[in-house]
Amino acid sequence: QNNLRGLKLDVQAIADADLDNAAEIIVAAGMKVKKQGAINKQDFTVKDGSLSGTVKLIAKGIGKAHAAHDWAMSEDGTNWTPVTPTLQADTEVSGLTPGSIRDFRHRNILKDGPTDWIEYNDFVVR
């Protein structure tokens, strides 16, 4: 059983590395391509917070399968500072300099591990 899980993870890693041919790779390995349902839709938005120097991070389309949310922010899009993880699909970040530009990112933390990061770039802090 562990060997089958390992094979599944290996095939997924190969498919993820070649997205243009991912479906063909999965089928060639004798597996079925799993369609993404609406519950897996991950939209991520950033809005002005309740006060100057704050921003509201919001993850949309979150289903019951999601256990937690991981957040981070960056001034340069390369060096990321973690924001406190939450169980809610939103959080507010404070203490930012008004007029500064920030990048933010979000990922879901599932029972099987974290999803890929989704980025929101070039948000001007109010």
N, C-alpha and C. Protein backbone atom coordinates (compact mmCIF):
# COMPACT_ATOMS: atom_id res chain seq x y z
N GLN A 1 0.82 -1.19 0.00
CA GLN A 1 0.00 0.00 0.00
C GLN A 1 0.86 1.26 0.00
N ASN A 2 1.94 1.27 0.79
CA ASN A 2 2.84 2.42 0.79
C ASN A 2 3.52 2.59 -0.55
N ASN A 3 3.81 1.44 -1.23
CA ASN A 3 4.44 1.52 -2.54
C ASN A 3 3.51 2.19 -3.55
N LEU A 4 2.20 1.92 -3.44
CA LEU A 4 1.23 2.55 -4.35
C LEU A 4 1.14 4.05 -4.10
N ARG A 5 1.18 4.43 -2.84
CA ARG A 5 1.16 5.87 -2.52
C ARG A 5 2.42 6.55 -3.05
N GLY A 6 3.55 5.87 -2.89
CA GLY A 6 4.81 6.40 -3.40
C GLY A 6 4.78 6.55 -4.91
N LEU A 7 4.23 5.54 -5.60
CA LEU A 7 4.10 5.61 -7.06
C LEU A 7 3.21 6.78 -7.46
N LYS A 8 2.09 6.94 -6.75
CA LYS A 8 1.17 8.04 -7.04
C LYS A 8 1.88 9.39 -6.89
N LEU A 9 2.65 9.55 -5.82
CA LEU A 9 3.37 10.79 -5.59
C LEU A 9 4.44 11.02 -6.65
N ASP A 10 5.12 9.94 -7.07
CA ASP A 10 6.14 10.05 -8.11
C ASP A 10 5.52 10.50 -9.43
N VAL A 11 4.40 9.88 -9.81
CA VAL A 11 3.73 10.24 -11.06
C VAL A 11 3.23 11.68 -10.98
N GLN A 12 2.68 12.08 -9.84
CA GLN A 12 2.21 13.45 -9.68
C GLN A 12 3.35 14.44 -9.82
N ALA A 13 4.50 14.13 -9.24
CA ALA A 13 5.66 15.03 -9.33
C ALA A 13 6.11 15.19 -10.78
N ILE A 14 6.13 14.09 -11.53
CA ILE A 14 6.53 14.15 -12.93
C ILE A 14 5.51 14.96 -13.73
N ALA A 15 4.22 14.73 -13.47
CA ALA A 15 3.16 15.47 -14.17
C ALA A 15 3.22 16.96 -13.83
N ASP A 16 3.47 17.29 -12.57
CA ASP A 16 3.56 18.69 -12.15
C ASP A 16 4.73 19.41 -12.83
N ALA A 17 5.79 18.65 -13.14
CA ALA A 17 6.96 19.25 -13.78
C ALA A 17 6.75 19.49 -15.28
N ASP A 18 5.70 18.89 -15.85
CA ASP A 18 5.42 19.04 -17.29
C ASP A 18 3.91 19.21 -17.46
N LEU A 19 3.40 20.38 -17.07
CA LEU A 19 1.95 20.61 -17.05
C LEU A 19 1.30 20.48 -18.42
N ASP A 20 2.03 20.79 -19.49
CA ASP A 20 1.45 20.68 -20.83
C ASP A 20 1.11 19.22 -21.18
N ASN A 21 1.86 18.28 -20.62
CA ASN A 21 1.65 16.86 -20.92
C ASN A 21 1.20 16.07 -19.69
N ALA A 22 0.76 16.75 -18.65
CA ALA A 22 0.44 16.11 -17.37
C ALA A 22 -0.61 15.01 -17.51
N ALA A 23 -1.69 15.29 -18.23
CA ALA A 23 -2.76 14.29 -18.36
C ALA A 23 -2.24 13.04 -19.06
N GLU A 24 -1.45 13.21 -20.12
CA GLU A 24 -0.91 12.07 -20.85
C GLU A 24 0.04 11.25 -19.97
N ILE A 25 0.84 11.93 -19.15
CA ILE A 25 1.77 11.25 -18.24
C ILE A 25 0.99 10.40 -17.24
N ILE A 26 -0.06 10.96 -16.68
CA ILE A 26 -0.86 10.25 -15.68
C ILE A 26 -1.54 9.03 -16.29
N VAL A 27 -2.14 9.21 -17.47
CA VAL A 27 -2.83 8.10 -18.15
C VAL A 27 -1.82 7.01 -18.54
N ALA A 28 -0.64 7.41 -19.03
CA ALA A 28 0.39 6.45 -19.42
C ALA A 28 0.86 5.60 -18.23
N ALA A 29 0.74 6.14 -17.04
CA ALA A 29 1.12 5.41 -15.83
C ALA A 29 -0.01 4.49 -15.35
N GLY A 30 -1.11 4.44 -16.13
CA GLY A 30 -2.23 3.58 -15.76
C GLY A 30 -3.14 4.16 -14.70
N MET A 31 -3.11 5.47 -14.56
CA MET A 31 -3.93 6.14 -13.55
C MET A 31 -4.94 7.05 -14.22
N LYS A 32 -5.92 7.50 -13.47
CA LYS A 32 -6.94 8.41 -13.99
C LYS A 32 -6.61 9.83 -13.56
N VAL A 33 -6.93 10.76 -14.45
CA VAL A 33 -6.75 12.18 -14.15
C VAL A 33 -7.92 12.62 -13.29
N LYS A 34 -7.61 13.17 -12.13
CA LYS A 34 -8.65 13.65 -11.23
C LYS A 34 -9.01 15.07 -11.60
N LYS A 35 -10.28 15.32 -11.83
CA LYS A 35 -10.73 16.67 -12.17
C LYS A 35 -10.84 17.49 -10.90
N GLN A 36 -10.47 18.77 -11.01
CA GLN A 36 -10.60 19.68 -9.89
C GLN A 36 -12.04 20.14 -9.79
N GLY A 37 -12.64 19.98 -8.66
CA GLY A 37 -14.00 20.43 -8.44
C GLY A 37 -14.02 21.86 -7.93
N ALA A 38 -15.20 22.42 -7.86
CA ALA A 38 -15.34 23.80 -7.40
C ALA A 38 -14.85 23.96 -5.97
N ILE A 39 -14.92 22.90 -5.17
CA ILE A 39 -14.48 22.99 -3.78
C ILE A 39 -12.99 23.27 -3.69
N ASN A 40 -12.23 22.91 -4.74
CA ASN A 40 -10.79 23.14 -4.73
C ASN A 40 -10.40 24.49 -5.33
N LYS A 41 -11.37 25.26 -5.74
CA LYS A 41 -11.09 26.57 -6.31
C LYS A 41 -10.44 27.45 -5.23
N GLN A 42 -9.36 28.07 -5.62
CA GLN A 42 -8.65 28.90 -4.66
C GLN A 42 -8.47 30.30 -5.20
N ASP A 43 -9.30 31.20 -4.82
CA ASP A 43 -9.12 32.61 -5.15
C ASP A 43 -8.55 33.28 -3.92
N PHE A 44 -7.71 34.26 -4.15
CA PHE A 44 -7.07 34.97 -3.05
C PHE A 44 -7.10 36.45 -3.38
N THR A 45 -7.65 37.25 -2.48
CA THR A 45 -7.72 38.69 -2.70
C THR A 45 -7.13 39.44 -1.51
N VAL A 46 -6.73 40.66 -1.79
CA VAL A 46 -6.22 41.56 -0.77
C VAL A 46 -7.01 42.86 -0.86
N LYS A 47 -7.48 43.34 0.28
CA LYS A 47 -8.27 44.58 0.32
C LYS A 47 -7.72 45.50 1.39
N ASP A 48 -8.13 46.77 1.32
CA ASP A 48 -7.78 47.71 2.37
C ASP A 48 -8.33 47.20 3.69
N GLY A 49 -7.55 47.36 4.75
CA GLY A 49 -8.00 46.96 6.08
C GLY A 49 -8.90 48.00 6.70
N SER A 50 -9.28 47.77 7.93
CA SER A 50 -10.21 48.66 8.63
C SER A 50 -9.56 50.00 9.00
N LEU A 51 -8.23 50.02 9.14
CA LEU A 51 -7.50 51.24 9.48
C LEU A 51 -6.37 51.47 8.49
N SER A 52 -5.87 52.68 8.43
CA SER A 52 -4.71 52.97 7.60
C SER A 52 -3.54 52.10 8.07
N GLY A 53 -2.78 51.57 7.11
CA GLY A 53 -1.65 50.71 7.46
C GLY A 53 -2.03 49.26 7.70
N THR A 54 -3.28 48.90 7.39
CA THR A 54 -3.71 47.51 7.54
C THR A 54 -4.25 47.00 6.20
N VAL A 55 -4.13 45.71 6.00
CA VAL A 55 -4.72 45.07 4.82
C VAL A 55 -5.46 43.81 5.27
N LYS A 56 -6.47 43.48 4.51
CA LYS A 56 -7.28 42.29 4.77
C LYS A 56 -6.95 41.25 3.71
N LEU A 57 -6.52 40.07 4.11
CA LEU A 57 -6.22 38.97 3.22
C LEU A 57 -7.40 38.00 3.26
N ILE A 58 -7.92 37.64 2.09
CA ILE A 58 -9.13 36.82 2.02
C ILE A 58 -8.93 35.69 1.02
N ALA A 59 -9.13 34.47 1.48
CA ALA A 59 -9.10 33.29 0.61
C ALA A 59 -10.53 32.90 0.32
N LYS A 60 -10.88 32.79 -0.97
CA LYS A 60 -12.25 32.45 -1.35
C LYS A 60 -12.34 31.02 -1.84
N GLY A 61 -13.55 30.48 -1.85
CA GLY A 61 -13.78 29.14 -2.37
C GLY A 61 -13.20 28.05 -1.50
N ILE A 62 -13.14 28.28 -0.21
CA ILE A 62 -12.55 27.32 0.69
C ILE A 62 -13.60 26.32 1.14
N GLY A 63 -13.28 25.04 0.98
CA GLY A 63 -14.21 23.98 1.35
C GLY A 63 -13.91 23.43 2.73
N LYS A 64 -14.72 22.50 3.18
CA LYS A 64 -14.58 21.93 4.51
C LYS A 64 -13.33 21.08 4.65
N ALA A 65 -12.74 20.66 3.53
CA ALA A 65 -11.54 19.81 3.58
C ALA A 65 -10.32 20.58 4.06
N HIS A 66 -10.40 21.89 4.07
CA HIS A 66 -9.26 22.71 4.43
C HIS A 66 -9.21 22.89 5.94
N ALA A 67 -8.04 22.67 6.50
CA ALA A 67 -7.91 22.74 7.94
C ALA A 67 -7.38 24.08 8.42
N ALA A 68 -6.48 24.69 7.64
CA ALA A 68 -5.85 25.92 8.10
C ALA A 68 -5.36 26.72 6.89
N HIS A 69 -4.95 27.95 7.16
CA HIS A 69 -4.50 28.85 6.11
C HIS A 69 -3.14 29.42 6.48
N ASP A 70 -2.24 29.43 5.52
CA ASP A 70 -0.90 29.95 5.69
C ASP A 70 -0.80 31.23 4.86
N TRP A 71 -0.20 32.26 5.43
CA TRP A 71 -0.10 33.57 4.78
C TRP A 71 1.33 34.07 4.87
N ALA A 72 1.73 34.92 3.93
CA ALA A 72 3.06 35.54 3.99
C ALA A 72 3.01 36.86 3.22
N MET A 73 3.99 37.74 3.50
CA MET A 73 4.06 39.01 2.78
C MET A 73 5.51 39.30 2.43
N SER A 74 5.70 40.18 1.42
CA SER A 74 7.03 40.49 0.95
C SER A 74 7.09 41.92 0.43
N GLU A 75 8.23 42.56 0.59
CA GLU A 75 8.45 43.88 0.02
C GLU A 75 9.05 43.79 -1.37
N ASP A 76 9.69 42.65 -1.70
CA ASP A 76 10.39 42.53 -2.97
C ASP A 76 9.97 41.32 -3.80
N GLY A 77 9.02 40.53 -3.32
CA GLY A 77 8.56 39.35 -4.05
C GLY A 77 9.52 38.18 -3.97
N THR A 78 10.61 38.33 -3.22
CA THR A 78 11.60 37.26 -3.08
C THR A 78 11.74 36.80 -1.64
N ASN A 79 11.88 37.74 -0.74
CA ASN A 79 12.04 37.44 0.68
C ASN A 79 10.68 37.57 1.36
N TRP A 80 10.20 36.46 1.91
CA TRP A 80 8.84 36.40 2.46
C TRP A 80 8.87 36.35 3.97
N THR A 81 7.98 37.13 4.58
CA THR A 81 7.79 37.14 6.02
C THR A 81 6.48 36.43 6.33
N PRO A 82 6.52 35.40 7.17
CA PRO A 82 5.26 34.71 7.50
C PRO A 82 4.30 35.62 8.25
N VAL A 83 3.03 35.42 7.99
CA VAL A 83 1.95 36.05 8.75
C VAL A 83 1.34 34.91 9.56
N THR A 84 0.87 35.20 10.75
CA THR A 84 0.33 34.16 11.63
C THR A 84 -0.71 33.30 10.90
N PRO A 85 -0.52 31.97 10.86
CA PRO A 85 -1.52 31.09 10.23
C PRO A 85 -2.86 31.20 10.96
N THR A 86 -3.94 30.91 10.23
CA THR A 86 -5.28 31.00 10.81
C THR A 86 -6.11 29.78 10.46
N LEU A 87 -7.17 29.57 11.21
CA LEU A 87 -8.18 28.57 10.86
C LEU A 87 -9.27 29.20 10.02
N GLN A 88 -9.36 30.54 10.05
CA GLN A 88 -10.34 31.27 9.26
C GLN A 88 -9.75 31.54 7.87
N ALA A 89 -10.63 31.78 6.90
CA ALA A 89 -10.21 32.03 5.52
C ALA A 89 -9.88 33.51 5.28
N ASP A 90 -9.64 34.26 6.35
CA ASP A 90 -9.22 35.65 6.20
C ASP A 90 -8.42 36.07 7.43
N THR A 91 -7.65 37.12 7.24
CA THR A 91 -6.87 37.67 8.35
C THR A 91 -6.56 39.13 8.02
N GLU A 92 -6.24 39.90 9.04
CA GLU A 92 -5.86 41.30 8.82
C GLU A 92 -4.43 41.48 9.28
N VAL A 93 -3.64 42.17 8.45
CA VAL A 93 -2.25 42.46 8.76
C VAL A 93 -2.14 43.96 9.07
N SER A 94 -1.53 44.28 10.20
CA SER A 94 -1.43 45.69 10.60
C SER A 94 0.04 46.10 10.72
N GLY A 95 0.24 47.38 10.97
CA GLY A 95 1.59 47.89 11.17
C GLY A 95 2.37 48.13 9.89
N LEU A 96 1.67 48.22 8.76
CA LEU A 96 2.33 48.47 7.48
C LEU A 96 2.41 49.96 7.20
N THR A 97 3.39 50.37 6.45
CA THR A 97 3.57 51.78 6.12
C THR A 97 2.61 52.18 5.00
N PRO A 98 1.72 53.15 5.26
CA PRO A 98 0.82 53.61 4.20
C PRO A 98 1.61 54.08 2.98
N GLY A 99 1.15 53.72 1.80
CA GLY A 99 1.82 54.06 0.55
C GLY A 99 2.86 53.05 0.11
N SER A 100 3.21 52.11 1.00
CA SER A 100 4.19 51.09 0.61
C SER A 100 3.52 50.04 -0.27
N ILE A 101 4.32 49.34 -1.05
CA ILE A 101 3.81 48.30 -1.94
C ILE A 101 4.24 46.96 -1.38
N ARG A 102 3.30 46.03 -1.27
CA ARG A 102 3.57 44.71 -0.72
C ARG A 102 3.02 43.62 -1.64
N ASP A 103 3.68 42.48 -1.60
CA ASP A 103 3.16 41.26 -2.22
C ASP A 103 2.68 40.38 -1.08
N PHE A 104 1.62 39.64 -1.33
CA PHE A 104 1.09 38.72 -0.32
C PHE A 104 0.90 37.36 -0.97
N ARG A 105 0.90 36.33 -0.16
CA ARG A 105 0.59 35.00 -0.68
C ARG A 105 -0.17 34.19 0.35
N HIS A 106 -0.85 33.16 -0.16
CA HIS A 106 -1.71 32.31 0.67
C HIS A 106 -1.60 30.87 0.18
N ARG A 107 -1.73 29.94 1.10
CA ARG A 107 -1.89 28.53 0.75
C ARG A 107 -2.73 27.87 1.81
N ASN A 108 -3.42 26.82 1.40
CA ASN A 108 -4.22 26.03 2.33
C ASN A 108 -3.33 24.96 2.94
N ILE A 109 -3.56 24.66 4.19
CA ILE A 109 -2.87 23.57 4.86
C ILE A 109 -3.89 22.45 5.01
N LEU A 110 -3.73 21.39 4.23
CA LEU A 110 -4.65 20.25 4.23
C LEU A 110 -4.10 19.12 5.08
N LYS A 111 -4.90 18.13 5.32
CA LYS A 111 -4.42 16.99 6.11
C LYS A 111 -3.29 16.26 5.39
N ASP A 112 -3.24 16.36 4.05
CA ASP A 112 -2.18 15.72 3.27
C ASP A 112 -0.97 16.63 3.07
N GLY A 113 -1.03 17.85 3.58
CA GLY A 113 0.06 18.80 3.42
C GLY A 113 -0.41 20.09 2.78
N PRO A 114 0.49 21.06 2.62
CA PRO A 114 0.11 22.36 2.07
C PRO A 114 -0.09 22.33 0.55
N THR A 115 -0.97 23.21 0.07
CA THR A 115 -1.14 23.41 -1.37
C THR A 115 -0.05 24.36 -1.85
N ASP A 116 -0.04 24.64 -3.14
CA ASP A 116 0.90 25.61 -3.70
C ASP A 116 0.49 27.02 -3.24
N TRP A 117 1.47 27.90 -3.18
CA TRP A 117 1.20 29.29 -2.84
C TRP A 117 0.46 29.97 -3.99
N ILE A 118 -0.46 30.85 -3.65
CA ILE A 118 -1.13 31.73 -4.60
C ILE A 118 -0.69 33.14 -4.22
N GLU A 119 -0.17 33.89 -5.19
CA GLU A 119 0.35 35.22 -4.90
C GLU A 119 -0.58 36.33 -5.38
N TYR A 120 -0.55 37.42 -4.66
CA TYR A 120 -1.23 38.66 -5.02
C TYR A 120 -0.14 39.72 -4.98
N ASN A 121 0.18 40.31 -6.12
CA ASN A 121 1.32 41.20 -6.23
C ASN A 121 0.95 42.67 -6.30
N ASP A 122 1.86 43.49 -5.82
CA ASP A 122 1.81 44.95 -5.97
C ASP A 122 0.57 45.61 -5.37
N PHE A 123 0.29 45.28 -4.13
CA PHE A 123 -0.82 45.93 -3.42
C PHE A 123 -0.27 47.17 -2.73
N VAL A 124 -0.92 48.30 -2.96
CA VAL A 124 -0.51 49.57 -2.32
C VAL A 124 -1.27 49.71 -1.01
N VAL A 125 -0.54 49.77 0.09
CA VAL A 125 -1.13 49.88 1.42
C VAL A 125 -1.73 51.26 1.60
N ARG A 126 -2.98 51.30 2.06
CA ARG A 126 -3.69 52.57 2.28
C ARG A 126 -3.30 53.13 3.64
